[in-house]
Amino acid sequence: METQSGALAKIPDVDPQDEVGTAALRSALELGGGIGQRLPFAVPMGREFQGWFGIGRSTQGELVKRGEVKSYLAGDKRGRRIIIVQSYIDYVARQQQRERDGEIGIASPNPRARKQRELTMPPARDTATAPPASKKRTGRVARQSGVRRAAR
């Protein structure tokens, strides 16, 4: 990838602890890929793509496999997979539209928050006639008497 001066542009370092990147994508789109840079036509799959857009290699591979983004193989049999940036931008736009239409996404991305909301507003029931709640067994399954564990 070359800038207008002809020098190679530095791809930002990737922090593997970062969240998947709508913020990274937004900043890349708003800033044109970084300060004084434009988005490239294509970016190699892996760390480089993650540095630009924030999604990890396995997610990149899934998007390519499902045909959500366009890519090509640069080189011979063991070449480098290159993702076309515009196809990823189009994918993000499709996902945003699906989310607006209610096809994907949930009210709260935190499952604990949803569970807490359900617990605070339980359905009304008559406690006088309702049978007592049974206890659920959690954890390990109890061993039956007389059955021995196989030697390791």
C-alpha atoms as a PDB file:
ATOM      1  CA  MET A   1       0.000   0.000   0.000  1.00  0.00           C
ATOM      2  CA  GLU A   2       1.526   3.302  -1.018  1.00  0.00           C
ATOM      3  CA  THR A   3       0.731   6.830   0.014  1.00  0.00           C
ATOM      4  CA  GLN A   4       0.810   9.794  -2.349  1.00  0.00           C
ATOM      5  CA  SER A   5       4.490  10.372  -1.580  1.00  0.00           C
ATOM      6  CA  GLY A   6       5.251   6.812  -2.692  1.00  0.00           C
ATOM      7  CA  ALA A   7       6.396   5.588   0.716  1.00  0.00           C
ATOM      8  CA  LEU A   8       4.741   2.596   2.310  1.00  0.00           C
ATOM      9  CA  ALA A   9       2.116   3.553   4.867  1.00  0.00           C
ATOM     10  CA  LYS A  10       2.494   2.009   8.313  1.00  0.00           C
ATOM     11  CA  ILE A  11      -0.328  -0.309   9.264  1.00  0.00           C
ATOM     12  CA  PRO A  12      -1.261   0.235  12.916  1.00  0.00           C
ATOM     13  CA  ASP A  13      -0.224  -2.380  15.483  1.00  0.00           C
ATOM     14  CA  VAL A  14      -2.958  -4.723  16.642  1.00  0.00           C
ATOM     15  CA  ASP A  15      -3.861  -5.265  20.277  1.00  0.00           C
ATOM     16  CA  PRO A  16      -5.439  -8.744  20.492  1.00  0.00           C
ATOM     17  CA  GLN A  17      -7.408  -7.664  23.593  1.00  0.00           C
ATOM     18  CA  ASP A  18      -9.373  -4.984  21.666  1.00  0.00           C
ATOM     19  CA  GLU A  19     -13.059  -5.556  21.062  1.00  0.00           C
ATOM     20  CA  VAL A  20     -14.283  -6.332  17.559  1.00  0.00           C
ATOM     21  CA  GLY A  21     -14.140  -3.131  15.694  1.00  0.00           C
ATOM     22  CA  THR A  22     -17.100  -1.025  14.897  1.00  0.00           C
ATOM     23  CA  ALA A  23     -15.165   1.811  16.541  1.00  0.00           C
ATOM     24  CA  ALA A  24     -12.077   0.912  14.527  1.00  0.00           C
ATOM     25  CA  LEU A  25     -14.124   0.770  11.332  1.00  0.00           C
ATOM     26  CA  ARG A  26     -15.862   4.056  12.116  1.00  0.00           C
ATOM     27  CA  SER A  27     -12.567   5.816  12.782  1.00  0.00           C
ATOM     28  CA  ALA A  28     -11.013   4.298   9.662  1.00  0.00           C
ATOM     29  CA  LEU A  29     -13.929   5.481   7.543  1.00  0.00           C
ATOM     30  CA  GLU A  30     -14.098   8.938   9.120  1.00  0.00           C
ATOM     31  CA  LEU A  31     -10.362   9.527   8.999  1.00  0.00           C
ATOM     32  CA  GLY A  32      -9.823   7.815   5.680  1.00  0.00           C
ATOM     33  CA  GLY A  33      -7.824   4.959   7.170  1.00  0.00           C
ATOM     34  CA  GLY A  34      -5.793   7.114   9.505  1.00  0.00           C
ATOM     35  CA  ILE A  35      -4.402  10.611   9.651  1.00  0.00           C
ATOM     36  CA  GLY A  36      -3.451  11.637   6.128  1.00  0.00           C
ATOM     37  CA  GLN A  37      -4.267   8.199   4.675  1.00  0.00           C
ATOM     38  CA  ARG A  38      -6.995   6.943   2.432  1.00  0.00           C
ATOM     39  CA  LEU A  39      -8.494   3.502   2.722  1.00  0.00           C
ATOM     40  CA  PRO A  40      -6.621   1.023   0.541  1.00  0.00           C
ATOM     41  CA  PHE A  41      -8.311  -0.950  -2.222  1.00  0.00           C
ATOM     42  CA  ALA A  42      -7.408  -4.262  -0.587  1.00  0.00           C
ATOM     43  CA  VAL A  43      -5.749  -5.417   2.638  1.00  0.00           C
ATOM     44  CA  PRO A  44      -4.087  -8.781   3.350  1.00  0.00           C
ATOM     45  CA  MET A  45      -6.102 -11.092   5.567  1.00  0.00           C
ATOM     46  CA  GLY A  46      -4.850 -11.416   9.135  1.00  0.00           C
ATOM     47  CA  ARG A  47      -3.135  -8.842  11.320  1.00  0.00           C
ATOM     48  CA  GLU A  48      -3.133  -6.163   8.634  1.00  0.00           C
ATOM     49  CA  PHE A  49      -6.886  -6.359   8.122  1.00  0.00           C
ATOM     50  CA  GLN A  50      -7.413  -6.510  11.879  1.00  0.00           C
ATOM     51  CA  GLY A  51      -5.271  -3.410  12.272  1.00  0.00           C
ATOM     52  CA  TRP A  52      -7.470  -1.499   9.847  1.00  0.00           C
ATOM     53  CA  PHE A  53     -10.912  -2.782  10.804  1.00  0.00           C
ATOM     54  CA  GLY A  54     -10.629  -4.593  14.134  1.00  0.00           C
ATOM     55  CA  ILE A  55     -12.008  -8.032  13.277  1.00  0.00           C
ATOM     56  CA  GLY A  56      -9.863 -11.081  13.982  1.00  0.00           C
ATOM     57  CA  ARG A  57      -8.501 -13.607  11.517  1.00  0.00           C
ATOM     58  CA  SER A  58     -11.081 -16.302  12.252  1.00  0.00           C
ATOM     59  CA  THR A  59     -13.965 -13.875  11.650  1.00  0.00           C
ATOM     60  CA  GLN A  60     -12.273 -12.693   8.468  1.00  0.00           C
ATOM     61  CA  GLY A  61     -12.027 -16.314   7.304  1.00  0.00           C
ATOM     62  CA  GLU A  62     -15.703 -16.941   8.070  1.00  0.00           C
ATOM     63  CA  LEU A  63     -16.769 -13.845   6.115  1.00  0.00           C
ATOM     64  CA  VAL A  64     -14.691 -14.967   3.132  1.00  0.00           C
ATOM     65  CA  LYS A  65     -15.972 -18.551   3.393  1.00  0.00           C
ATOM     66  CA  ARG A  66     -19.621 -17.421   3.494  1.00  0.00           C
ATOM     67  CA  GLY A  67     -19.072 -15.046   0.563  1.00  0.00           C
ATOM     68  CA  GLU A  68     -19.934 -11.954   2.629  1.00  0.00           C
ATOM     69  CA  VAL A  69     -16.711 -10.223   1.545  1.00  0.00           C
ATOM     70  CA  LYS A  70     -14.768 -10.544  -1.693  1.00  0.00           C
ATOM     71  CA  SER A  71     -11.199 -11.714  -1.665  1.00  0.00           C
ATOM     72  CA  TYR A  72      -8.534 -13.137  -3.923  1.00  0.00           C
ATOM     73  CA  LEU A  73      -5.390 -15.178  -3.561  1.00  0.00           C
ATOM     74  CA  ALA A  74      -2.223 -13.281  -4.440  1.00  0.00           C
ATOM     75  CA  GLY A  75       0.544 -15.618  -5.501  1.00  0.00           C
ATOM     76  CA  ASP A  76       0.736 -19.296  -6.345  1.00  0.00           C
ATOM     77  CA  LYS A  77      -0.736 -22.240  -4.465  1.00  0.00           C
ATOM     78  CA  ARG A  78       0.275 -20.897  -1.054  1.00  0.00           C
ATOM     79  CA  GLY A  79      -0.316 -17.242  -1.767  1.00  0.00           C
ATOM     80  CA  ARG A  80      -1.711 -14.594   0.535  1.00  0.00           C
ATOM     81  CA  ARG A  81      -5.469 -14.067   0.857  1.00  0.00           C
ATOM     82  CA  ILE A  82      -6.337 -10.410   0.167  1.00  0.00           C
ATOM     83  CA  ILE A  83      -9.711  -8.906   1.174  1.00  0.00           C
ATOM     84  CA  ILE A  84     -11.221  -6.140  -0.965  1.00  0.00           C
ATOM     85  CA  VAL A  85     -12.024  -3.292   1.429  1.00  0.00           C
ATOM     86  CA  GLN A  86     -15.141  -2.040  -0.368  1.00  0.00           C
ATOM     87  CA  SER A  87     -16.740  -5.471  -0.013  1.00  0.00           C
ATOM     88  CA  TYR A  88     -16.177  -5.313   3.766  1.00  0.00           C
ATOM     89  CA  ILE A  89     -17.678  -1.812   3.925  1.00  0.00           C
ATOM     90  CA  ASP A  90     -20.686  -3.107   1.971  1.00  0.00           C
ATOM     91  CA  TYR A  91     -20.966  -6.041   4.414  1.00  0.00           C
ATOM     92  CA  VAL A  92     -21.009  -3.647   7.392  1.00  0.00           C
ATOM     93  CA  ALA A  93     -23.744  -1.579   5.712  1.00  0.00           C
ATOM     94  CA  ARG A  94     -25.810  -4.758   5.132  1.00  0.00           C
ATOM     95  CA  GLN A  95     -25.370  -5.786   8.761  1.00  0.00           C
ATOM     96  CA  GLN A  96     -26.440  -2.349   9.982  1.00  0.00           C
ATOM     97  CA  GLN A  97     -29.542  -2.527   7.802  1.00  0.00           C
ATOM     98  CA  ARG A  98     -30.391  -6.021   9.086  1.00  0.00           C
ATOM     99  CA  GLU A  99     -29.994  -4.747  12.647  1.00  0.00           C
ATOM    100  CA  ARG A 100     -32.306  -1.791  11.980  1.00  0.00           C
ATOM    101  CA  ASP A 101     -34.852  -4.206  10.477  1.00  0.00           C
ATOM    102  CA  GLY A 102     -34.710  -6.359  13.612  1.00  0.00           C
ATOM    103  CA  GLU A 103     -33.344  -9.425  11.802  1.00  0.00           C
ATOM    104  CA  ILE A 104     -30.229  -9.564  13.998  1.00  0.00           C
ATOM    105  CA  GLY A 105     -29.184  -8.162  17.322  1.00  0.00           C
ATOM    106  CA  ILE A 106     -30.832  -8.112  20.715  1.00  0.00           C
ATOM    107  CA  ALA A 107     -32.133  -5.477  23.092  1.00  0.00           C
ATOM    108  CA  SER A 108     -29.096  -5.778  25.336  1.00  0.00           C
ATOM    109  CA  PRO A 109     -25.802  -7.278  24.252  1.00  0.00           C
ATOM    110  CA  ASN A 110     -25.255  -8.343  27.871  1.00  0.00           C
ATOM    111  CA  PRO A 111     -27.079 -11.610  28.602  1.00  0.00           C
ATOM    112  CA  ARG A 112     -26.839 -10.976  32.352  1.00  0.00           C
ATOM    113  CA  ALA A 113     -28.714  -7.685  31.944  1.00  0.00           C
ATOM    114  CA  ARG A 114     -31.545  -9.455  30.116  1.00  0.00           C
ATOM    115  CA  LYS A 115     -31.688 -12.176  32.749  1.00  0.00           C
ATOM    116  CA  GLN A 116     -31.752  -9.581  35.546  1.00  0.00           C
ATOM    117  CA  ARG A 117     -34.619  -7.775  33.854  1.00  0.00           C
ATOM    118  CA  GLU A 118     -36.566 -11.048  33.626  1.00  0.00           C
ATOM    119  CA  LEU A 119     -35.923 -11.753  37.307  1.00  0.00           C
ATOM    120  CA  THR A 120     -37.086  -8.319  38.455  1.00  0.00           C
ATOM    121  CA  MET A 121     -40.424  -8.690  36.659  1.00  0.00           C
ATOM    122  CA  PRO A 122     -41.532 -12.308  37.249  1.00  0.00           C
ATOM    123  CA  PRO A 123     -44.902 -13.451  35.930  1.00  0.00           C
ATOM    124  CA  ALA A 124     -47.702 -13.242  38.461  1.00  0.00           C
ATOM    125  CA  ARG A 125     -48.655 -16.553  40.064  1.00  0.00           C
ATOM    126  CA  ASP A 126     -50.659 -17.640  43.053  1.00  0.00           C
ATOM    127  CA  THR A 127     -48.119 -18.772  45.668  1.00  0.00           C
ATOM    128  CA  ALA A 128     -50.772 -20.391  47.891  1.00  0.00           C
ATOM    129  CA  THR A 129     -51.740 -23.014  45.311  1.00  0.00           C
ATOM    130  CA  ALA A 130     -48.450 -23.307  43.445  1.00  0.00           C
ATOM    131  CA  PRO A 131     -46.348 -26.387  44.210  1.00  0.00           C
ATOM    132  CA  PRO A 132     -42.943 -25.767  45.777  1.00  0.00           C
ATOM    133  CA  ALA A 133     -40.109 -25.313  43.313  1.00  0.00           C
ATOM    134  CA  SER A 134     -37.946 -28.392  42.931  1.00  0.00           C
ATOM    135  CA  LYS A 135     -34.229 -28.136  43.555  1.00  0.00           C
ATOM    136  CA  LYS A 136     -32.025 -28.555  40.535  1.00  0.00           C
ATOM    137  CA  ARG A 137     -28.790 -30.422  40.849  1.00  0.00           C
ATOM    138  CA  THR A 138     -25.848 -28.462  39.597  1.00  0.00           C
ATOM    139  CA  GLY A 139     -22.239 -29.378  39.197  1.00  0.00           C
ATOM    140  CA  ARG A 140     -21.013 -32.948  38.996  1.00  0.00           C
ATOM    141  CA  VAL A 141     -23.349 -35.866  38.586  1.00  0.00           C
ATOM    142  CA  ALA A 142     -23.428 -38.003  41.727  1.00  0.00           C
ATOM    143  CA  ARG A 143     -21.768 -41.383  41.413  1.00  0.00           C
ATOM    144  CA  GLN A 144     -24.030 -44.351  41.911  1.00  0.00           C
ATOM    145  CA  SER A 145     -23.085 -46.607  44.796  1.00  0.00           C
ATOM    146  CA  GLY A 146     -21.228 -49.705  43.770  1.00  0.00           C
ATOM    147  CA  VAL A 147     -19.966 -48.147  40.508  1.00  0.00           C
ATOM    148  CA  ARG A 148     -16.278 -47.428  40.518  1.00  0.00           C
ATOM    149  CA  ARG A 149     -14.490 -44.890  38.389  1.00  0.00           C
ATOM    150  CA  ALA A 150     -12.205 -46.346  35.710  1.00  0.00           C
ATOM    151  CA  ALA A 151      -8.484 -46.173  36.491  1.00  0.00           C
ATOM    152  CA  ARG A 152      -6.649 -43.432  34.711  1.00  0.00           C
END
